Protein backbone atom coordinates (compact mmCIF):
# COMPACT_ATOMS: atom_id res chain seq x y z
CA UNK A 1 44.36 55.77 50.19
CA UNK A 2 44.61 53.04 52.80
CA UNK A 3 41.29 51.82 54.16
CA UNK A 4 40.48 52.15 57.84
CA UNK A 5 40.15 48.37 58.14
CA UNK A 6 43.60 47.83 56.62
CA UNK A 7 45.10 50.52 58.84
CA UNK A 8 43.60 48.83 61.91
CA UNK A 9 44.96 45.45 60.83
CA UNK A 10 48.44 46.88 60.35
CA UNK A 11 48.33 48.60 63.77
CA UNK A 12 47.29 45.27 65.29
CA UNK A 13 50.31 43.54 63.83
CA UNK A 14 48.64 41.65 61.02
CA UNK A 15 50.90 40.65 58.18
CA UNK A 16 49.94 42.64 55.10
CA UNK A 17 51.27 42.25 51.61
CA UNK A 18 50.04 44.30 48.71
CA UNK A 19 51.62 46.01 45.73
CA UNK A 20 53.96 43.10 45.19
CA UNK A 21 56.54 43.88 42.54
CA UNK A 22 55.41 41.07 40.26
CA UNK A 23 56.07 43.04 37.10
CA UNK A 24 59.67 43.64 38.18
CA UNK A 25 60.11 39.95 38.95
CA UNK A 26 58.76 39.01 35.52
CA UNK A 27 61.06 41.54 33.86
CA UNK A 28 64.08 40.18 35.75
CA UNK A 29 63.11 36.63 34.76
CA UNK A 30 62.76 37.66 31.11
CA UNK A 31 66.08 39.52 31.05
CA UNK A 32 68.29 37.40 33.28
CA UNK A 33 66.48 34.15 33.99
CA UNK A 34 67.52 30.70 32.92
CA UNK A 35 64.15 29.07 33.63
CA UNK A 36 60.71 29.46 32.05
CA UNK A 37 57.92 31.21 33.92
CA UNK A 38 56.11 27.88 34.15
CA UNK A 39 59.11 26.26 35.84
CA UNK A 40 59.54 29.18 38.23
CA UNK A 41 55.83 29.37 39.10
CA UNK A 42 55.26 25.60 39.44
CA UNK A 43 56.11 25.36 43.18
CA UNK A 44 53.85 28.31 44.03
CA UNK A 45 51.02 26.85 41.96
CA UNK A 46 51.47 23.51 43.74
CA UNK A 47 51.24 25.20 47.16
CA UNK A 48 48.17 27.18 46.08
CA UNK A 49 46.42 24.07 44.82
CA UNK A 50 47.42 21.55 47.49
CA UNK A 51 48.09 23.75 50.50
CA UNK A 52 50.76 23.25 53.15
CA UNK A 53 51.09 22.38 56.81
CA UNK A 54 51.23 25.38 59.13
CA UNK A 55 54.01 25.51 61.65
CA UNK A 56 53.09 26.21 65.28
CA UNK A 57 54.12 29.87 65.13
CA UNK A 58 51.98 30.72 62.09
CA UNK A 59 49.04 28.76 63.50
CA UNK A 60 49.30 30.69 66.78
CA UNK A 61 49.55 34.04 64.96
CA UNK A 62 46.50 33.29 62.82
CA UNK A 63 44.64 32.23 65.94
CA UNK A 64 45.49 35.46 67.76
CA UNK A 65 44.90 37.81 64.85
CA UNK A 66 42.32 35.81 62.97
CA UNK A 67 39.30 37.75 64.19
CA UNK A 68 40.58 40.77 62.31
CA UNK A 69 40.23 38.82 59.05
CA UNK A 70 36.45 38.92 59.48
CA UNK A 71 36.56 42.51 58.21
CA UNK A 72 37.04 41.10 54.70
CA UNK A 73 34.45 38.52 53.69
CA UNK A 74 36.80 36.67 51.32
CA UNK A 75 39.53 36.42 53.98
CA UNK A 76 37.08 35.37 56.68
CA UNK A 77 35.90 32.53 54.45
CA UNK A 78 39.45 31.19 54.35
CA UNK A 79 40.78 31.99 57.83
CA UNK A 80 37.58 31.89 59.88
CA UNK A 81 35.25 29.41 58.19
CA UNK A 82 32.02 28.70 60.03
């Protein structure tokens, strides 16, 4: 069941990603891949650890929709720090 807060965020145009098909990606990598998981995951790990520069469009979107992140304490800590 989708929460009311998530439903409101979706209606407001917030980007939402959940239920990512990670297991399918791992299965495809195991069956057809030519790289190790470590090699494939390294760029994502680097971005998660070091961050990245926002482009103007994403910065504007986060600014416009950012108040909605306050519904979730963990998201507010990242997107709306005090």
